[in-house]
Amino acid sequence: MSSAVLTYSPGAIRISAATQEAAWVRWGLIALALGWLALFLFVPLAAIFTEAFRKGLEVYWASLVDPDALSAIKLTLIAALIAVPTNLVFGIAASWAIAKFDFRGKQILLTLIDLPFAVSPVIAGLIYVLLFGAQGWFGQWLSDHDVKIIFAVPGIVLATIFVTVPFIARELIPLMQAQGTEEEEAAVTMGASGWQTLWRVTLPNVKWGLLYGVILCNARAMGEFGAVSVVSGHIRGLTNTLPLHVEILYNEYKFSAAFAAASLLAGLALVTLALKSFIEWKTGAELRASNEENSHEH
């Protein structure tokens, strides 16, 4: 027993020394992290809500029920309600194909999914202008058939879909790859169809990752500025989303109204953060429960 202690205690000492720092170092790092968060997260959020309510609740409410503000909120919701389900279907299909099957062009598909991360949203908006604008590739045909995409709702929806493409797929792909294909193969062997395998085996195993991707996709869709700004035309009451409405109000020195609208986006960010934390906690709890169950079985 003594030899075992002599053999292993140096390693234990080295591990302990490597993972434990002096108290002043730990508290210093914690203070640095909290100070950084306060400076770049808490203070800006507090400033938004303080300015929004500076002139009272009546002015705040009047800013939100203004016809232009209601139009911006409505258009933002429309864009999100179309973009998120579209990317939900695409994300499930793409991640299932990439994680569960081998086919030619898989790497190309992965690259295309990541493309919106690499391309500036402003460039993405310009691409749609070059395609569907009055002088674009399809501009003349669209004009002849009285179809409006640029400076109209369809252009805003297309731009929103483009910038939010990767969020759901990129959450699901690593989860599905880590789970392997054993359960799906067992389900098929027992007579399940492809759709039954997807709904009863694959999706239940990735439900929290799927919800996490949907939340992030929705937050980006409602907060997108660059691509939407290029294709919207900034037509007040018609093609302004909520972020564009905030910009216009601020440029017109209507600070109370601008911060009131911005508070809605800030509230969305806080809700997204809370849901993100809940999903991470829930996923961790399920993982710990699964590990405990496996250890008891062994």
Protein backbone atom coordinates (compact mmCIF):
# COMPACT_ATOMS: atom_id res chain seq x y z
CA MET A 1 0.00 0.00 0.00
CA SER A 2 2.83 2.37 0.87
CA SER A 3 4.49 1.76 -2.48
CA ALA A 4 1.22 2.58 -4.22
CA VAL A 5 1.07 5.86 -2.33
CA LEU A 6 4.64 6.66 -3.29
CA THR A 7 3.90 5.78 -6.88
CA TYR A 8 0.74 7.81 -7.34
CA SER A 9 1.03 10.69 -4.91
CA PRO A 10 3.49 12.73 -7.08
CA GLY A 11 1.04 12.62 -9.95
CA ALA A 12 -1.79 13.60 -7.66
CA ILE A 13 0.28 16.49 -6.35
CA ARG A 14 1.07 17.64 -9.88
CA ILE A 15 -2.61 17.44 -10.89
CA SER A 16 -3.65 19.36 -7.79
CA ALA A 17 -1.03 22.03 -8.44
CA ALA A 18 -2.11 22.34 -12.07
CA THR A 19 -5.82 22.72 -11.32
CA GLN A 20 -5.75 24.90 -8.20
CA GLU A 21 -4.64 28.50 -8.24
CA ALA A 22 -4.13 30.97 -5.45
CA ALA A 23 -7.29 32.62 -4.13
CA TRP A 24 -6.26 36.06 -5.42
CA VAL A 25 -5.85 34.64 -8.94
CA ARG A 26 -9.31 33.02 -8.92
CA TRP A 27 -11.02 36.10 -7.54
CA GLY A 28 -9.11 38.32 -9.92
CA LEU A 29 -10.28 36.31 -12.93
CA ILE A 30 -13.86 36.32 -11.65
CA ALA A 31 -13.74 40.09 -11.14
CA LEU A 32 -12.29 40.58 -14.63
CA ALA A 33 -15.05 38.45 -16.19
CA LEU A 34 -17.81 40.22 -14.26
CA GLY A 35 -16.36 43.63 -15.10
CA TRP A 36 -16.20 42.74 -18.77
CA LEU A 37 -19.82 41.55 -18.73
CA ALA A 38 -20.94 44.65 -16.87
CA LEU A 39 -19.19 46.98 -19.30
CA PHE A 40 -20.27 45.36 -22.55
CA LEU A 41 -23.57 43.66 -21.63
CA PHE A 42 -25.28 44.86 -18.44
CA VAL A 43 -24.57 48.58 -18.84
CA PRO A 44 -25.81 48.76 -22.47
CA LEU A 45 -28.96 46.80 -21.56
CA ALA A 46 -29.61 49.02 -18.58
CA ALA A 47 -29.08 52.10 -20.73
CA ILE A 48 -31.62 50.89 -23.30
CA PHE A 49 -34.39 50.34 -20.76
CA THR A 50 -33.53 53.49 -18.83
CA GLU A 51 -33.78 55.66 -21.94
CA ALA A 52 -36.91 53.84 -23.10
CA PHE A 53 -38.78 54.67 -19.89
CA ARG A 54 -37.16 58.05 -19.21
CA LYS A 55 -40.25 60.04 -20.24
CA GLY A 56 -42.69 57.72 -18.58
CA LEU A 57 -44.81 54.71 -19.41
CA GLU A 58 -47.30 56.75 -21.43
CA VAL A 59 -44.66 57.97 -23.90
CA TYR A 60 -43.18 54.47 -24.04
CA TRP A 61 -46.53 52.90 -24.90
CA ALA A 62 -47.35 55.61 -27.43
CA SER A 63 -44.06 54.88 -29.21
CA LEU A 64 -44.93 51.19 -29.50
CA VAL A 65 -48.50 51.67 -30.75
CA ASP A 66 -47.46 54.21 -33.36
CA PRO A 67 -48.65 52.96 -36.80
CA ASP A 68 -45.10 52.85 -38.19
CA ALA A 69 -43.89 50.94 -35.14
CA LEU A 70 -46.75 48.44 -35.39
CA SER A 71 -46.01 47.97 -39.09
CA ALA A 72 -42.33 47.33 -38.31
CA ILE A 73 -43.23 44.82 -35.59
CA LYS A 74 -45.69 43.06 -37.89
CA LEU A 75 -43.17 42.81 -40.74
CA THR A 76 -40.48 41.51 -38.37
CA LEU A 77 -42.84 38.79 -37.14
CA ILE A 78 -43.86 37.88 -40.70
CA ALA A 79 -40.23 37.49 -41.78
CA ALA A 80 -39.43 35.36 -38.73
CA LEU A 81 -42.58 33.23 -39.07
CA ILE A 82 -41.59 32.35 -42.64
CA ALA A 83 -37.81 32.09 -42.24
CA VAL A 84 -37.73 29.93 -39.10
CA PRO A 85 -40.05 27.11 -40.32
CA THR A 86 -38.31 27.14 -43.70
CA ASN A 87 -34.91 26.73 -42.10
CA LEU A 88 -36.35 24.19 -39.67
CA VAL A 89 -37.35 21.90 -42.54
CA PHE A 90 -34.07 22.50 -44.36
CA GLY A 91 -31.99 22.05 -41.21
CA ILE A 92 -33.59 18.70 -40.34
CA ALA A 93 -33.30 17.40 -43.90
CA ALA A 94 -29.70 18.57 -44.39
CA SER A 95 -28.45 17.36 -41.01
CA TRP A 96 -30.16 13.99 -41.40
CA ALA A 97 -28.63 13.51 -44.84
CA ILE A 98 -25.14 14.62 -43.75
CA ALA A 99 -25.03 12.72 -40.46
CA LYS A 100 -26.74 9.49 -41.47
CA PHE A 101 -25.74 8.93 -45.11
CA ASP A 102 -22.64 8.97 -47.28
CA PHE A 103 -23.01 10.58 -50.69
CA ARG A 104 -21.01 12.52 -53.23
CA GLY A 105 -20.99 16.25 -52.58
CA LYS A 106 -21.43 16.02 -48.79
CA GLN A 107 -18.52 18.38 -48.17
CA ILE A 108 -19.92 20.84 -50.72
CA LEU A 109 -23.27 20.84 -48.90
CA LEU A 110 -21.50 21.51 -45.59
CA THR A 111 -19.64 24.41 -47.18
CA LEU A 112 -22.84 25.88 -48.60
CA ILE A 113 -24.53 25.67 -45.19
CA ASP A 114 -21.67 27.67 -43.68
CA LEU A 115 -21.69 30.25 -46.50
CA PRO A 116 -23.91 32.81 -44.67
CA PHE A 117 -21.37 32.81 -41.83
CA ALA A 118 -18.58 33.72 -44.25
CA VAL A 119 -20.46 36.29 -46.34
CA SER A 120 -21.29 39.73 -44.97
CA PRO A 121 -25.07 40.25 -44.65
CA VAL A 122 -24.72 43.43 -46.71
CA ILE A 123 -23.14 41.41 -49.54
CA ALA A 124 -25.99 38.91 -49.28
CA GLY A 125 -28.49 41.75 -49.71
CA LEU A 126 -26.58 43.07 -52.72
CA ILE A 127 -26.70 39.61 -54.30
CA TYR A 128 -30.50 39.68 -54.16
CA VAL A 129 -30.51 43.18 -55.64
CA LEU A 130 -28.32 41.95 -58.52
CA LEU A 131 -30.68 39.04 -59.09
CA PHE A 132 -34.11 40.60 -58.60
CA GLY A 133 -33.55 44.37 -58.78
CA ALA A 134 -34.82 46.53 -61.64
CA GLN A 135 -31.47 46.19 -63.41
CA GLY A 136 -30.82 42.63 -62.20
CA TRP A 137 -30.74 39.36 -64.05
CA PHE A 138 -34.45 38.69 -63.57
CA GLY A 139 -35.51 42.30 -63.13
CA GLN A 140 -37.09 42.75 -66.54
CA TRP A 141 -39.07 39.51 -66.34
CA LEU A 142 -40.33 40.39 -62.85
CA SER A 143 -41.31 43.88 -64.03
CA ASP A 144 -43.20 42.48 -67.01
CA HIS A 145 -45.18 40.17 -64.74
CA ASP A 146 -45.70 42.84 -62.04
CA VAL A 147 -43.81 40.84 -59.40
CA LYS A 148 -42.00 42.82 -56.71
CA ILE A 149 -39.24 41.24 -54.68
CA ILE A 150 -36.73 43.99 -53.96
CA PHE A 151 -38.08 46.85 -51.82
CA ALA A 152 -40.97 44.59 -50.87
CA VAL A 153 -41.80 41.88 -48.35
CA PRO A 154 -40.53 38.92 -50.46
CA GLY A 155 -37.04 40.41 -50.63
CA ILE A 156 -36.96 40.89 -46.86
CA VAL A 157 -38.08 37.30 -46.31
CA LEU A 158 -35.47 35.94 -48.76
CA ALA A 159 -32.69 37.93 -47.12
CA THR A 160 -33.78 36.75 -43.67
CA ILE A 161 -33.88 33.12 -44.79
CA PHE A 162 -30.37 33.39 -46.24
CA VAL A 163 -28.70 34.78 -43.12
CA THR A 164 -30.42 32.26 -40.83
CA VAL A 165 -29.76 29.10 -42.88
CA PRO A 166 -26.90 27.66 -40.77
CA PHE A 167 -28.33 27.92 -37.26
CA ILE A 168 -30.56 24.85 -37.05
CA ALA A 169 -28.48 22.61 -39.31
CA ARG A 170 -25.26 23.42 -37.47
CA GLU A 171 -26.84 22.52 -34.13
CA LEU A 172 -28.20 19.19 -35.36
CA ILE A 173 -25.32 17.87 -37.48
CA PRO A 174 -22.82 17.20 -34.65
CA LEU A 175 -25.55 15.76 -32.42
CA MET A 176 -26.71 13.32 -35.08
CA GLN A 177 -23.13 12.38 -35.97
CA ALA A 178 -22.31 11.68 -32.31
CA GLN A 179 -25.34 9.39 -31.95
CA GLY A 180 -24.37 7.25 -34.92
CA THR A 181 -26.78 5.18 -36.96
CA GLU A 182 -27.30 2.10 -34.76
CA GLU A 183 -30.77 3.08 -33.49
CA GLU A 184 -32.00 4.02 -36.97
CA GLU A 185 -30.68 0.75 -38.41
CA ALA A 186 -32.42 -1.19 -35.64
CA ALA A 187 -35.69 0.64 -36.35
CA VAL A 188 -35.46 -0.10 -40.07
CA THR A 189 -34.67 -3.75 -39.31
CA MET A 190 -37.84 -3.94 -37.22
CA GLY A 191 -39.90 -2.66 -40.17
CA ALA A 192 -40.07 1.09 -39.56
CA SER A 193 -40.31 3.34 -42.58
CA GLY A 194 -38.01 6.28 -43.18
CA TRP A 195 -40.55 8.79 -41.83
CA GLN A 196 -41.29 6.63 -38.77
CA THR A 197 -37.56 6.37 -38.06
CA LEU A 198 -37.17 10.14 -38.34
CA TRP A 199 -40.14 11.03 -36.11
CA ARG A 200 -39.83 8.30 -33.48
CA VAL A 201 -36.07 7.73 -33.25
CA THR A 202 -33.96 10.53 -34.71
CA LEU A 203 -35.84 13.67 -33.69
CA PRO A 204 -36.58 12.64 -30.07
CA ASN A 205 -32.84 12.12 -29.56
CA VAL A 206 -32.02 15.66 -30.73
CA LYS A 207 -35.08 17.53 -29.46
CA TRP A 208 -33.15 19.93 -27.19
CA GLY A 209 -30.56 20.71 -29.83
CA LEU A 210 -33.38 21.28 -32.31
CA LEU A 211 -35.14 23.69 -29.95
CA TYR A 212 -31.84 25.47 -29.28
CA GLY A 213 -31.27 25.96 -33.02
CA VAL A 214 -34.82 27.25 -33.52
CA ILE A 215 -34.37 29.81 -30.72
CA LEU A 216 -31.10 31.09 -32.19
CA CYS A 217 -32.58 31.16 -35.69
CA ASN A 218 -35.58 33.17 -34.50
CA ALA A 219 -33.41 35.65 -32.60
CA ARG A 220 -31.23 36.26 -35.66
CA ALA A 221 -34.26 36.52 -37.95
CA MET A 222 -35.92 39.20 -35.81
CA GLY A 223 -32.70 41.11 -35.22
CA GLU A 224 -31.20 41.03 -38.73
CA PHE A 225 -30.18 44.43 -40.02
CA GLY A 226 -27.56 44.36 -42.80
CA ALA A 227 -29.13 42.18 -45.48
CA VAL A 228 -32.64 43.46 -44.80
CA SER A 229 -31.45 47.06 -44.95
CA VAL A 230 -30.17 46.58 -48.50
CA VAL A 231 -33.32 44.97 -49.92
CA SER A 232 -35.98 46.86 -47.97
CA GLY A 233 -35.72 50.34 -49.45
CA HIS A 234 -36.50 51.80 -46.00
CA ILE A 235 -40.10 52.57 -46.93
CA ARG A 236 -41.67 53.79 -43.69
CA GLY A 237 -44.72 51.79 -42.73
CA LEU A 238 -44.20 49.24 -45.51
CA THR A 239 -40.72 47.67 -45.64
CA ASN A 240 -39.13 48.69 -42.35
CA THR A 241 -38.47 45.90 -39.88
CA LEU A 242 -37.99 46.68 -36.21
CA PRO A 243 -34.18 47.14 -36.39
CA LEU A 244 -34.57 49.49 -39.38
CA HIS A 245 -37.31 51.37 -37.56
CA VAL A 246 -34.95 51.92 -34.60
CA GLU A 247 -32.29 53.33 -36.93
CA ILE A 248 -34.69 55.77 -38.59
CA LEU A 249 -36.04 57.05 -35.27
CA TYR A 250 -32.55 57.52 -33.87
CA ASN A 251 -31.39 59.39 -36.98
CA GLU A 252 -34.40 61.67 -36.60
CA TYR A 253 -33.41 62.39 -32.96
CA LYS A 254 -36.54 60.68 -31.63
CA PHE A 255 -34.54 59.01 -28.92
CA SER A 256 -37.39 57.94 -26.62
CA ALA A 257 -39.23 56.21 -29.46
CA ALA A 258 -36.00 54.66 -30.75
CA PHE A 259 -35.10 53.21 -27.36
CA ALA A 260 -38.66 52.03 -26.82
CA ALA A 261 -38.47 49.98 -30.03
CA ALA A 262 -34.96 48.86 -29.16
CA SER A 263 -36.21 47.61 -25.78
CA LEU A 264 -38.33 45.04 -27.61
CA LEU A 265 -35.24 43.67 -29.32
CA ALA A 266 -33.33 43.76 -26.03
CA GLY A 267 -36.18 41.87 -24.37
CA LEU A 268 -36.00 39.28 -27.14
CA ALA A 269 -32.28 38.91 -26.47
CA LEU A 270 -32.91 38.35 -22.74
CA VAL A 271 -35.62 35.78 -23.44
CA THR A 272 -33.30 34.01 -25.87
CA LEU A 273 -30.55 33.96 -23.25
CA ALA A 274 -32.91 32.55 -20.63
CA LEU A 275 -34.17 29.82 -22.98
CA LYS A 276 -30.59 29.02 -24.01
CA SER A 277 -29.58 28.59 -20.37
CA PHE A 278 -32.62 26.40 -19.67
CA ILE A 279 -31.89 24.14 -22.64
CA GLU A 280 -28.23 23.80 -21.66
CA TRP A 281 -29.27 22.92 -18.10
CA LYS A 282 -31.88 20.42 -19.31
CA THR A 283 -29.44 18.80 -21.73
CA GLY A 284 -26.78 18.53 -19.02
CA ALA A 285 -29.30 17.03 -16.59
CA GLU A 286 -30.39 14.39 -19.11
CA LEU A 287 -26.76 13.59 -19.93
CA ARG A 288 -25.90 13.15 -16.24
CA ALA A 289 -28.95 10.94 -15.73
CA SER A 290 -27.96 8.82 -18.73
CA ASN A 291 -24.39 8.46 -17.46
CA GLU A 292 -25.62 7.44 -14.00
CA GLU A 293 -27.96 4.87 -15.52
CA ASN A 294 -25.15 3.42 -17.62
CA SER A 295 -22.82 3.26 -14.61
CA HIS A 296 -25.45 1.40 -12.57
CA GLU A 297 -25.95 -1.09 -15.39
CA HIS A 298 -22.22 -1.79 -15.52
